[in-house]
Every structure is written in C-alpha cells, then in structure tokens.
Amino acid sequence: MNNETTSNANDHIYDILSTLPAGTTTISQIQVDDVLVDVTSFINLNRTENLAYFTSPIGTTLIVDCHKISLLVF
C-alpha cells in the first residue's frame, strides 16, 4: 500500500469521527497499526492535534493519533 492510499484511508476515518456525536457513540473496536483494540465508545476528537479519544472496556481513556486508525467497528 502506498502512502497516498494510507493517507486517504486515514482521512476518511478522521472525516467519520468528526461527524459522530462526542461522548455518545458506541464503538466496539478500532484498528491501530494493524492491531485490533477493544473500546466501548468514542469520547471526543481534538481537531488541532488530530487525536481521537475513546473509552476502554476497563474505563480508562485511550488517546490515539487519527493517522494510525485504519478501522472503526460499530
């Protein structure tokens, strides 16, 4: 996969996250650097830093660079 394709895929993830209501959207997993990570919900998106915040199943907050997210499982 070339960098252009990766960039476009990550742009789509960012676009999707930017339309979701913060704090109320249930997401069960995200894929980060080819690893599936269990989450329970999308918390917020920091547009300036390009960071997405998710709640983990144990109640902690996961902060992920949107460029590293390749999949959202609702």
N, C-alpha and C. Protein backbone atom coordinates (compact mmCIF):
# COMPACT_ATOMS: atom_id res chain seq x y z
N MET A 1 0.84 -1.17 0.00
CA MET A 1 0.00 0.00 0.00
C MET A 1 0.89 1.24 0.00
N ASN A 2 0.61 2.18 -0.88
CA ASN A 2 1.44 3.38 -0.92
C ASN A 2 0.95 4.42 0.08
N ASN A 3 1.76 5.43 0.33
CA ASN A 3 1.42 6.45 1.33
C ASN A 3 0.17 7.23 0.97
N GLU A 4 -0.09 7.43 -0.32
CA GLU A 4 -1.28 8.16 -0.72
C GLU A 4 -2.53 7.41 -0.32
N THR A 5 -2.55 6.10 -0.54
CA THR A 5 -3.70 5.29 -0.15
C THR A 5 -3.88 5.30 1.36
N THR A 6 -2.80 5.15 2.10
CA THR A 6 -2.87 5.17 3.56
C THR A 6 -3.41 6.52 4.04
N SER A 7 -2.91 7.58 3.49
CA SER A 7 -3.35 8.92 3.87
C SER A 7 -4.84 9.09 3.60
N ASN A 8 -5.31 8.65 2.43
CA ASN A 8 -6.72 8.77 2.10
C ASN A 8 -7.59 7.96 3.04
N ALA A 9 -7.16 6.76 3.38
CA ALA A 9 -7.93 5.92 4.31
C ALA A 9 -8.02 6.61 5.67
N ASN A 10 -6.92 7.16 6.14
CA ASN A 10 -6.91 7.83 7.43
C ASN A 10 -7.73 9.11 7.40
N ASP A 11 -7.74 9.81 6.26
CA ASP A 11 -8.58 10.99 6.12
C ASP A 11 -10.04 10.62 6.26
N HIS A 12 -10.42 9.47 5.72
CA HIS A 12 -11.82 9.02 5.83
C HIS A 12 -12.18 8.70 7.28
N ILE A 13 -11.27 8.10 8.01
CA ILE A 13 -11.52 7.82 9.44
C ILE A 13 -11.73 9.13 10.19
N TYR A 14 -10.87 10.10 9.93
CA TYR A 14 -11.00 11.41 10.58
C TYR A 14 -12.34 12.05 10.22
N ASP A 15 -12.72 11.96 8.94
CA ASP A 15 -14.00 12.53 8.50
C ASP A 15 -15.18 11.86 9.21
N ILE A 16 -15.12 10.55 9.36
CA ILE A 16 -16.19 9.83 10.06
C ILE A 16 -16.25 10.26 11.52
N LEU A 17 -15.11 10.25 12.19
CA LEU A 17 -15.07 10.64 13.60
C LEU A 17 -15.56 12.07 13.80
N SER A 18 -15.27 12.96 12.87
CA SER A 18 -15.67 14.36 13.03
C SER A 18 -17.18 14.54 12.92
N THR A 19 -17.89 13.55 12.38
CA THR A 19 -19.35 13.65 12.28
C THR A 19 -20.09 12.97 13.43
N LEU A 20 -19.36 12.19 14.23
CA LEU A 20 -20.01 11.45 15.32
C LEU A 20 -20.26 12.35 16.53
N PRO A 21 -21.40 12.16 17.20
CA PRO A 21 -21.64 12.92 18.43
C PRO A 21 -20.67 12.50 19.52
N ALA A 22 -19.92 13.45 20.03
CA ALA A 22 -18.93 13.17 21.06
C ALA A 22 -19.58 12.65 22.33
N GLY A 23 -18.97 11.63 22.90
CA GLY A 23 -19.41 11.09 24.18
C GLY A 23 -20.59 10.16 24.14
N THR A 24 -21.22 9.99 22.97
CA THR A 24 -22.43 9.16 22.94
C THR A 24 -22.41 8.05 21.90
N THR A 25 -21.34 7.93 21.14
CA THR A 25 -21.29 6.95 20.07
C THR A 25 -20.60 5.68 20.53
N THR A 26 -21.32 4.56 20.44
CA THR A 26 -20.76 3.27 20.81
C THR A 26 -19.90 2.74 19.67
N ILE A 27 -18.66 2.43 19.97
CA ILE A 27 -17.74 1.78 19.03
C ILE A 27 -17.13 0.62 19.80
N SER A 28 -17.10 -0.57 19.18
CA SER A 28 -16.61 -1.74 19.91
C SER A 28 -15.12 -1.99 19.73
N GLN A 29 -14.57 -1.63 18.55
CA GLN A 29 -13.14 -1.83 18.31
C GLN A 29 -12.62 -0.77 17.35
N ILE A 30 -11.33 -0.51 17.46
CA ILE A 30 -10.62 0.29 16.48
C ILE A 30 -9.38 -0.49 16.08
N GLN A 31 -8.91 -0.27 14.87
CA GLN A 31 -7.67 -0.91 14.45
C GLN A 31 -6.59 0.17 14.40
N VAL A 32 -5.54 -0.05 15.18
CA VAL A 32 -4.43 0.90 15.28
C VAL A 32 -3.15 0.15 14.91
N ASP A 33 -2.48 0.63 13.88
CA ASP A 33 -1.24 -0.04 13.42
C ASP A 33 -1.44 -1.54 13.26
N ASP A 34 -2.53 -1.93 12.62
CA ASP A 34 -2.85 -3.33 12.32
C ASP A 34 -3.17 -4.19 13.54
N VAL A 35 -3.45 -3.56 14.68
CA VAL A 35 -3.84 -4.28 15.90
C VAL A 35 -5.25 -3.85 16.28
N LEU A 36 -6.14 -4.83 16.47
CA LEU A 36 -7.49 -4.51 16.92
C LEU A 36 -7.48 -4.21 18.41
N VAL A 37 -8.09 -3.10 18.78
CA VAL A 37 -8.13 -2.65 20.17
C VAL A 37 -9.58 -2.54 20.58
N ASP A 38 -9.96 -3.19 21.69
CA ASP A 38 -11.32 -3.10 22.20
C ASP A 38 -11.54 -1.74 22.83
N VAL A 39 -12.66 -1.10 22.48
CA VAL A 39 -13.09 0.15 23.09
C VAL A 39 -14.58 0.05 23.33
N THR A 40 -15.14 0.98 24.08
CA THR A 40 -16.58 0.95 24.29
C THR A 40 -17.29 2.14 23.67
N SER A 41 -16.60 3.27 23.57
CA SER A 41 -17.25 4.44 22.98
C SER A 41 -16.24 5.48 22.52
N PHE A 42 -16.71 6.32 21.61
CA PHE A 42 -15.94 7.45 21.13
C PHE A 42 -16.24 8.62 22.06
N ILE A 43 -15.21 9.26 22.60
CA ILE A 43 -15.41 10.37 23.53
C ILE A 43 -15.36 11.71 22.83
N ASN A 44 -14.26 11.95 22.09
CA ASN A 44 -14.08 13.28 21.52
C ASN A 44 -12.99 13.23 20.45
N LEU A 45 -12.92 14.31 19.68
CA LEU A 45 -11.90 14.47 18.65
C LEU A 45 -11.23 15.81 18.85
N ASN A 46 -9.91 15.80 18.99
CA ASN A 46 -9.14 17.03 19.08
C ASN A 46 -8.66 17.35 17.67
N ARG A 47 -9.36 18.27 17.01
CA ARG A 47 -9.07 18.58 15.61
C ARG A 47 -7.70 19.22 15.44
N THR A 48 -7.28 20.01 16.40
CA THR A 48 -5.98 20.70 16.30
C THR A 48 -4.82 19.71 16.32
N GLU A 49 -4.90 18.73 17.22
CA GLU A 49 -3.82 17.75 17.38
C GLU A 49 -4.06 16.46 16.60
N ASN A 50 -5.23 16.33 15.96
CA ASN A 50 -5.60 15.13 15.20
C ASN A 50 -5.62 13.88 16.08
N LEU A 51 -6.15 14.04 17.29
CA LEU A 51 -6.23 12.94 18.26
C LEU A 51 -7.68 12.56 18.51
N ALA A 52 -7.92 11.25 18.63
CA ALA A 52 -9.24 10.73 18.96
C ALA A 52 -9.19 10.10 20.34
N TYR A 53 -10.24 10.31 21.11
CA TYR A 53 -10.33 9.81 22.48
C TYR A 53 -11.44 8.76 22.55
N PHE A 54 -11.11 7.61 23.14
CA PHE A 54 -12.06 6.51 23.28
C PHE A 54 -12.05 6.01 24.72
N THR A 55 -13.17 5.43 25.15
CA THR A 55 -13.23 4.77 26.44
C THR A 55 -12.91 3.29 26.25
N SER A 56 -12.06 2.75 27.11
CA SER A 56 -11.72 1.32 27.04
C SER A 56 -12.73 0.53 27.88
N PRO A 57 -12.76 -0.79 27.70
CA PRO A 57 -13.67 -1.62 28.48
C PRO A 57 -13.43 -1.55 30.00
N ILE A 58 -12.22 -1.16 30.43
CA ILE A 58 -11.95 -1.08 31.87
C ILE A 58 -12.15 0.34 32.40
N GLY A 59 -12.64 1.23 31.53
CA GLY A 59 -12.98 2.58 31.97
C GLY A 59 -11.90 3.62 31.82
N THR A 60 -10.77 3.25 31.25
CA THR A 60 -9.71 4.23 31.03
C THR A 60 -9.92 4.92 29.68
N THR A 61 -9.22 6.00 29.47
CA THR A 61 -9.31 6.74 28.21
C THR A 61 -8.12 6.42 27.33
N LEU A 62 -8.40 6.04 26.08
CA LEU A 62 -7.35 5.78 25.10
C LEU A 62 -7.28 7.00 24.19
N ILE A 63 -6.07 7.50 23.97
CA ILE A 63 -5.86 8.63 23.08
C ILE A 63 -5.05 8.11 21.90
N VAL A 64 -5.59 8.29 20.69
CA VAL A 64 -4.98 7.70 19.51
C VAL A 64 -4.84 8.76 18.41
N ASP A 65 -3.68 8.78 17.77
CA ASP A 65 -3.47 9.62 16.60
C ASP A 65 -4.36 9.11 15.47
N CYS A 66 -5.19 9.97 14.92
CA CYS A 66 -6.12 9.55 13.87
C CYS A 66 -5.42 8.95 12.66
N HIS A 67 -4.19 9.35 12.39
CA HIS A 67 -3.45 8.79 11.26
C HIS A 67 -3.13 7.32 11.45
N LYS A 68 -3.19 6.83 12.67
CA LYS A 68 -2.86 5.43 12.94
C LYS A 68 -4.09 4.54 12.97
N ILE A 69 -5.28 5.12 12.91
CA ILE A 69 -6.53 4.35 12.93
C ILE A 69 -6.90 3.97 11.51
N SER A 70 -7.09 2.67 11.26
CA SER A 70 -7.46 2.22 9.93
C SER A 70 -8.84 1.58 9.87
N LEU A 71 -9.47 1.36 11.02
CA LEU A 71 -10.77 0.69 11.04
C LEU A 71 -11.54 1.09 12.29
N LEU A 72 -12.84 1.31 12.13
CA LEU A 72 -13.76 1.51 13.25
C LEU A 72 -14.82 0.43 13.19
N VAL A 73 -15.07 -0.25 14.29
CA VAL A 73 -16.11 -1.29 14.35
C VAL A 73 -17.20 -0.78 15.26
N PHE A 74 -18.38 -0.56 14.69
CA PHE A 74 -19.52 -0.05 15.46
C PHE A 74 -20.34 -1.18 16.02
